[in-house]
Amino acid sequence: MAGDVGPGGAREVLLVLAVAGAGLALAAVAAFGPWQPSDDGPQDRGAARSFTPGMSAPHAP
């Protein structure tokens, strides 16, 4: 039956829950961590570059 779990099965369930919790913690840090740009150098927008279809892509200096 599905409710009959031995010591090895309980350990496996705890391991899965621990790995899932660690993954959620890392995702929360990545999502809600500080994203302030550095004050030195030009401001880089990363992946948020604007591009209009039909026009040539901007070239980096």
PDB file of N, CA and C in Angstrom:
ATOM      1  N   MET A   1       0.829  -1.176   0.000  1.00  0.00           N
ATOM      2  CA  MET A   1       0.000   0.000   0.000  1.00  0.00           C
ATOM      3  C   MET A   1       0.885   1.255   0.000  1.00  0.00           C
ATOM      4  N   ALA A   2       0.359   2.367  -0.441  1.00  0.00           N
ATOM      5  CA  ALA A   2       1.162   3.579  -0.581  1.00  0.00           C
ATOM      6  C   ALA A   2       1.588   4.150   0.767  1.00  0.00           C
ATOM      7  N   GLY A   3       0.862   3.885   1.830  1.00  0.00           N
ATOM      8  CA  GLY A   3       1.200   4.423   3.141  1.00  0.00           C
ATOM      9  C   GLY A   3       2.281   3.653   3.858  1.00  0.00           C
ATOM     10  N   ASP A   4       2.639   2.476   3.388  1.00  0.00           N
ATOM     11  CA  ASP A   4       3.662   1.662   4.040  1.00  0.00           C
ATOM     12  C   ASP A   4       5.039   2.069   3.528  1.00  0.00           C
ATOM     13  N   VAL A   5       5.710   2.912   4.303  1.00  0.00           N
ATOM     14  CA  VAL A   5       7.031   3.398   3.915  1.00  0.00           C
ATOM     15  C   VAL A   5       8.017   2.975   4.989  1.00  0.00           C
ATOM     16  N   GLY A   6       9.083   2.318   4.578  1.00  0.00           N
ATOM     17  CA  GLY A   6      10.108   1.891   5.522  1.00  0.00           C
ATOM     18  C   GLY A   6      11.077   3.011   5.831  1.00  0.00           C
ATOM     19  N   PRO A   7      12.110   2.729   6.630  1.00  0.00           N
ATOM     20  CA  PRO A   7      13.085   3.765   6.980  1.00  0.00           C
ATOM     21  C   PRO A   7      13.830   4.315   5.770  1.00  0.00           C
ATOM     22  N   GLY A   8      14.105   3.472   4.772  1.00  0.00           N
ATOM     23  CA  GLY A   8      14.784   3.955   3.565  1.00  0.00           C
ATOM     24  C   GLY A   8      13.900   4.885   2.757  1.00  0.00           C
ATOM     25  N   GLY A   9      12.612   4.576   2.698  1.00  0.00           N
ATOM     26  CA  GLY A   9      11.682   5.429   1.961  1.00  0.00           C
ATOM     27  C   GLY A   9      11.485   6.769   2.636  1.00  0.00           C
ATOM     28  N   ALA A  10      11.412   6.755   3.963  1.00  0.00           N
ATOM     29  CA  ALA A  10      11.256   8.011   4.700  1.00  0.00           C
ATOM     30  C   ALA A  10      12.491   8.887   4.516  1.00  0.00           C
ATOM     31  N   ARG A  11      13.664   8.271   4.504  1.00  0.00           N
ATOM     32  CA  ARG A  11      14.905   9.025   4.292  1.00  0.00           C
ATOM     33  C   ARG A  11      14.923   9.640   2.894  1.00  0.00           C
ATOM     34  N   GLU A  12      14.424   8.894   1.923  1.00  0.00           N
ATOM     35  CA  GLU A  12      14.386   9.406   0.552  1.00  0.00           C
ATOM     36  C   GLU A  12      13.425  10.583   0.440  1.00  0.00           C
ATOM     37  N   VAL A  13      12.276  10.483   1.095  1.00  0.00           N
ATOM     38  CA  VAL A  13      11.310  11.585   1.073  1.00  0.00           C
ATOM     39  C   VAL A  13      11.917  12.820   1.732  1.00  0.00           C
ATOM     40  N   LEU A  14      12.610  12.646   2.849  1.00  0.00           N
ATOM     41  CA  LEU A  14      13.256  13.785   3.507  1.00  0.00           C
ATOM     42  C   LEU A  14      14.335  14.405   2.626  1.00  0.00           C
ATOM     43  N   LEU A  15      15.076  13.579   1.908  1.00  0.00           N
ATOM     44  CA  LEU A  15      16.099  14.093   1.000  1.00  0.00           C
ATOM     45  C   LEU A  15      15.469  14.909  -0.129  1.00  0.00           C
ATOM     46  N   VAL A  16      14.391  14.400  -0.692  1.00  0.00           N
ATOM     47  CA  VAL A  16      13.706  15.123  -1.769  1.00  0.00           C
ATOM     48  C   VAL A  16      13.170  16.455  -1.258  1.00  0.00           C
ATOM     49  N   LEU A  17      12.578  16.458  -0.069  1.00  0.00           N
ATOM     50  CA  LEU A  17      12.057  17.706   0.495  1.00  0.00           C
ATOM     51  C   LEU A  17      13.188  18.690   0.811  1.00  0.00           C
ATOM     52  N   ALA A  18      14.328  18.184   1.278  1.00  0.00           N
ATOM     53  CA  ALA A  18      15.463  19.066   1.567  1.00  0.00           C
ATOM     54  C   ALA A  18      16.016  19.695   0.293  1.00  0.00           C
ATOM     55  N   VAL A  19      16.132  18.917  -0.766  1.00  0.00           N
ATOM     56  CA  VAL A  19      16.634  19.450  -2.038  1.00  0.00           C
ATOM     57  C   VAL A  19      15.640  20.454  -2.620  1.00  0.00           C
ATOM     58  N   ALA A  20      14.350  20.155  -2.503  1.00  0.00           N
ATOM     59  CA  ALA A  20      13.336  21.092  -2.996  1.00  0.00           C
ATOM     60  C   ALA A  20      13.368  22.395  -2.203  1.00  0.00           C
ATOM     61  N   GLY A  21      13.528  22.310  -0.897  1.00  0.00           N
ATOM     62  CA  GLY A  21      13.620  23.515  -0.071  1.00  0.00           C
ATOM     63  C   GLY A  21      14.846  24.340  -0.405  1.00  0.00           C
ATOM     64  N   ALA A  22      15.975  23.675  -0.636  1.00  0.00           N
ATOM     65  CA  ALA A  22      17.187  24.400  -1.015  1.00  0.00           C
ATOM     66  C   ALA A  22      17.007  25.084  -2.368  1.00  0.00           C
ATOM     67  N   GLY A  23      16.345  24.420  -3.295  1.00  0.00           N
ATOM     68  CA  GLY A  23      16.083  25.031  -4.598  1.00  0.00           C
ATOM     69  C   GLY A  23      15.179  26.241  -4.492  1.00  0.00           C
ATOM     70  N   LEU A  24      14.157  26.147  -3.651  1.00  0.00           N
ATOM     71  CA  LEU A  24      13.269  27.296  -3.452  1.00  0.00           C
ATOM     72  C   LEU A  24      14.006  28.457  -2.788  1.00  0.00           C
ATOM     73  N   ALA A  25      14.888  28.146  -1.852  1.00  0.00           N
ATOM     74  CA  ALA A  25      15.659  29.204  -1.200  1.00  0.00           C
ATOM     75  C   ALA A  25      16.579  29.904  -2.202  1.00  0.00           C
ATOM     76  N   LEU A  26      17.251  29.140  -3.055  1.00  0.00           N
ATOM     77  CA  LEU A  26      18.118  29.749  -4.069  1.00  0.00           C
ATOM     78  C   LEU A  26      17.315  30.570  -5.075  1.00  0.00           C
ATOM     79  N   ALA A  27      16.139  30.091  -5.448  1.00  0.00           N
ATOM     80  CA  ALA A  27      15.292  30.845  -6.375  1.00  0.00           C
ATOM     81  C   ALA A  27      14.819  32.148  -5.743  1.00  0.00           C
ATOM     82  N   ALA A  28      14.490  32.125  -4.458  1.00  0.00           N
ATOM     83  CA  ALA A  28      14.060  33.341  -3.772  1.00  0.00           C
ATOM     84  C   ALA A  28      15.201  34.348  -3.684  1.00  0.00           C
ATOM     85  N   VAL A  29      16.410  33.877  -3.419  1.00  0.00           N
ATOM     86  CA  VAL A  29      17.564  34.780  -3.366  1.00  0.00           C
ATOM     87  C   VAL A  29      17.806  35.407  -4.735  1.00  0.00           C
ATOM     88  N   ALA A  30      17.696  34.617  -5.791  1.00  0.00           N
ATOM     89  CA  ALA A  30      17.916  35.144  -7.142  1.00  0.00           C
ATOM     90  C   ALA A  30      16.817  36.119  -7.542  1.00  0.00           C
ATOM     91  N   ALA A  31      15.584  35.843  -7.139  1.00  0.00           N
ATOM     92  CA  ALA A  31      14.463  36.687  -7.551  1.00  0.00           C
ATOM     93  C   ALA A  31      14.375  37.974  -6.744  1.00  0.00           C
ATOM     94  N   PHE A  32      14.662  37.905  -5.457  1.00  0.00           N
ATOM     95  CA  PHE A  32      14.442  39.056  -4.591  1.00  0.00           C
ATOM     96  C   PHE A  32      15.729  39.681  -4.076  1.00  0.00           C
ATOM     97  N   GLY A  33      16.864  39.217  -4.550  1.00  0.00           N
ATOM     98  CA  GLY A  33      18.143  39.787  -4.130  1.00  0.00           C
ATOM     99  C   GLY A  33      18.343  41.166  -4.724  1.00  0.00           C
ATOM    100  N   PRO A  34      19.320  41.911  -4.222  1.00  0.00           N
ATOM    101  CA  PRO A  34      19.568  43.262  -4.738  1.00  0.00           C
ATOM    102  C   PRO A  34      20.089  43.226  -6.173  1.00  0.00           C
ATOM    103  N   TRP A  35      19.572  44.112  -6.987  1.00  0.00           N
ATOM    104  CA  TRP A  35      19.964  44.186  -8.399  1.00  0.00           C
ATOM    105  C   TRP A  35      20.485  45.580  -8.735  1.00  0.00           C
ATOM    106  N   GLN A  36      21.115  46.254  -7.775  1.00  0.00           N
ATOM    107  CA  GLN A  36      21.605  47.596  -8.034  1.00  0.00           C
ATOM    108  C   GLN A  36      22.786  47.539  -8.993  1.00  0.00           C
ATOM    109  N   PRO A  37      22.792  48.406  -9.996  1.00  0.00           N
ATOM    110  CA  PRO A  37      23.947  48.446 -10.907  1.00  0.00           C
ATOM    111  C   PRO A  37      25.141  49.078 -10.203  1.00  0.00           C
ATOM    112  N   SER A  38      26.306  48.779 -10.678  1.00  0.00           N
ATOM    113  CA  SER A  38      27.514  49.371 -10.095  1.00  0.00           C
ATOM    114  C   SER A  38      27.625  50.826 -10.541  1.00  0.00           C
ATOM    115  N   ASP A  39      28.280  51.632  -9.728  1.00  0.00           N
ATOM    116  CA  ASP A  39      28.415  53.057 -10.034  1.00  0.00           C
ATOM    117  C   ASP A  39      29.540  53.343 -11.019  1.00  0.00           C
ATOM    118  N   ASP A  40      30.468  52.411 -11.190  1.00  0.00           N
ATOM    119  CA  ASP A  40      31.590  52.659 -12.086  1.00  0.00           C
ATOM    120  C   ASP A  40      31.317  52.077 -13.472  1.00  0.00           C
ATOM    121  N   GLY A  41      31.728  52.794 -14.487  1.00  0.00           N
ATOM    122  CA  GLY A  41      31.566  52.312 -15.854  1.00  0.00           C
ATOM    123  C   GLY A  41      30.201  52.660 -16.434  1.00  0.00           C
ATOM    124  N   PRO A  42      30.035  52.384 -17.717  1.00  0.00           N
ATOM    125  CA  PRO A  42      28.758  52.694 -18.370  1.00  0.00           C
ATOM    126  C   PRO A  42      27.652  51.759 -17.884  1.00  0.00           C
ATOM    127  N   GLN A  43      26.460  52.277 -17.892  1.00  0.00           N
ATOM    128  CA  GLN A  43      25.314  51.477 -17.471  1.00  0.00           C
ATOM    129  C   GLN A  43      24.966  50.485 -18.576  1.00  0.00           C
ATOM    130  N   ASP A  44      24.996  49.215 -18.256  1.00  0.00           N
ATOM    131  CA  ASP A  44      24.667  48.168 -19.218  1.00  0.00           C
ATOM    132  C   ASP A  44      23.304  47.603 -18.852  1.00  0.00           C
ATOM    133  N   ARG A  45      22.397  47.571 -19.798  1.00  0.00           N
ATOM    134  CA  ARG A  45      21.058  47.078 -19.520  1.00  0.00           C
ATOM    135  C   ARG A  45      20.960  45.572 -19.649  1.00  0.00           C
ATOM    136  N   GLY A  46      22.039  44.907 -19.967  1.00  0.00           N
ATOM    137  CA  GLY A  46      22.017  43.453 -20.056  1.00  0.00           C
ATOM    138  C   GLY A  46      21.142  42.969 -21.185  1.00  0.00           C
ATOM    139  N   ALA A  47      20.196  42.109 -20.890  1.00  0.00           N
ATOM    140  CA  ALA A  47      19.348  41.516 -21.914  1.00  0.00           C
ATOM    141  C   ALA A  47      18.219  42.443 -22.339  1.00  0.00           C
ATOM    142  N   ALA A  48      18.029  43.561 -21.654  1.00  0.00           N
ATOM    143  CA  ALA A  48      16.912  44.458 -21.951  1.00  0.00           C
ATOM    144  C   ALA A  48      17.321  45.488 -22.999  1.00  0.00           C
ATOM    145  N   ARG A  49      17.738  45.042 -24.137  1.00  0.00           N
ATOM    146  CA  ARG A  49      18.118  45.944 -25.221  1.00  0.00           C
ATOM    147  C   ARG A  49      16.920  46.115 -26.157  1.00  0.00           C
ATOM    148  N   SER A  50      16.742  47.340 -26.628  1.00  0.00           N
ATOM    149  CA  SER A  50      15.630  47.589 -27.538  1.00  0.00           C
ATOM    150  C   SER A  50      16.081  47.339 -28.976  1.00  0.00           C
ATOM    151  N   PHE A  51      15.210  46.772 -29.761  1.00  0.00           N
ATOM    152  CA  PHE A  51      15.507  46.470 -31.154  1.00  0.00           C
ATOM    153  C   PHE A  51      14.210  46.541 -31.933  1.00  0.00           C
ATOM    154  N   THR A  52      14.233  47.295 -33.017  1.00  0.00           N
ATOM    155  CA  THR A  52      13.063  47.417 -33.870  1.00  0.00           C
ATOM    156  C   THR A  52      13.246  46.516 -35.080  1.00  0.00           C
ATOM    157  N   PRO A  53      12.312  45.609 -35.347  1.00  0.00           N
ATOM    158  CA  PRO A  53      12.440  44.741 -36.521  1.00  0.00           C
ATOM    159  C   PRO A  53      12.506  45.571 -37.802  1.00  0.00           C
ATOM    160  N   GLY A  54      13.330  45.150 -38.729  1.00  0.00           N
ATOM    161  CA  GLY A  54      13.481  45.858 -39.989  1.00  0.00           C
ATOM    162  C   GLY A  54      14.632  46.842 -39.979  1.00  0.00           C
ATOM    163  N   MET A  55      15.173  47.139 -38.822  1.00  0.00           N
ATOM    164  CA  MET A  55      16.310  48.041 -38.719  1.00  0.00           C
ATOM    165  C   MET A  55      17.528  47.226 -38.316  1.00  0.00           C
ATOM    166  N   SER A  56      18.694  47.749 -38.620  1.00  0.00           N
ATOM    167  CA  SER A  56      19.910  47.024 -38.249  1.00  0.00           C
ATOM    168  C   SER A  56      20.108  47.104 -36.740  1.00  0.00           C
ATOM    169  N   ALA A  57      20.706  46.065 -36.197  1.00  0.00           N
ATOM    170  CA  ALA A  57      20.943  46.005 -34.758  1.00  0.00           C
ATOM    171  C   ALA A  57      22.012  47.015 -34.367  1.00  0.00           C
ATOM    172  N   PRO A  58      21.888  47.619 -33.185  1.00  0.00           N
ATOM    173  CA  PRO A  58      22.920  48.568 -32.745  1.00  0.00           C
ATOM    174  C   PRO A  58      24.224  47.837 -32.468  1.00  0.00           C
ATOM    175  N   HIS A  59      25.309  48.493 -32.822  1.00  0.00           N
ATOM    176  CA  HIS A  59      26.628  47.899 -32.627  1.00  0.00           C
ATOM    177  C   HIS A  59      27.242  48.445 -31.353  1.00  0.00           C
ATOM    178  N   ALA A  60      27.891  47.575 -30.610  1.00  0.00           N
ATOM    179  CA  ALA A  60      28.567  48.001 -29.382  1.00  0.00           C
ATOM    180  C   ALA A  60      29.811  48.796 -29.753  1.00  0.00           C
ATOM    181  N   PRO A  61      30.112  49.847 -28.998  1.00  0.00           N
ATOM    182  CA  PRO A  61      31.312  50.661 -29.312  1.00  0.00           C
ATOM    183  C   PRO A  61      32.576  49.907 -29.018  1.00  0.00           C
TER     184      PRO A  61
END
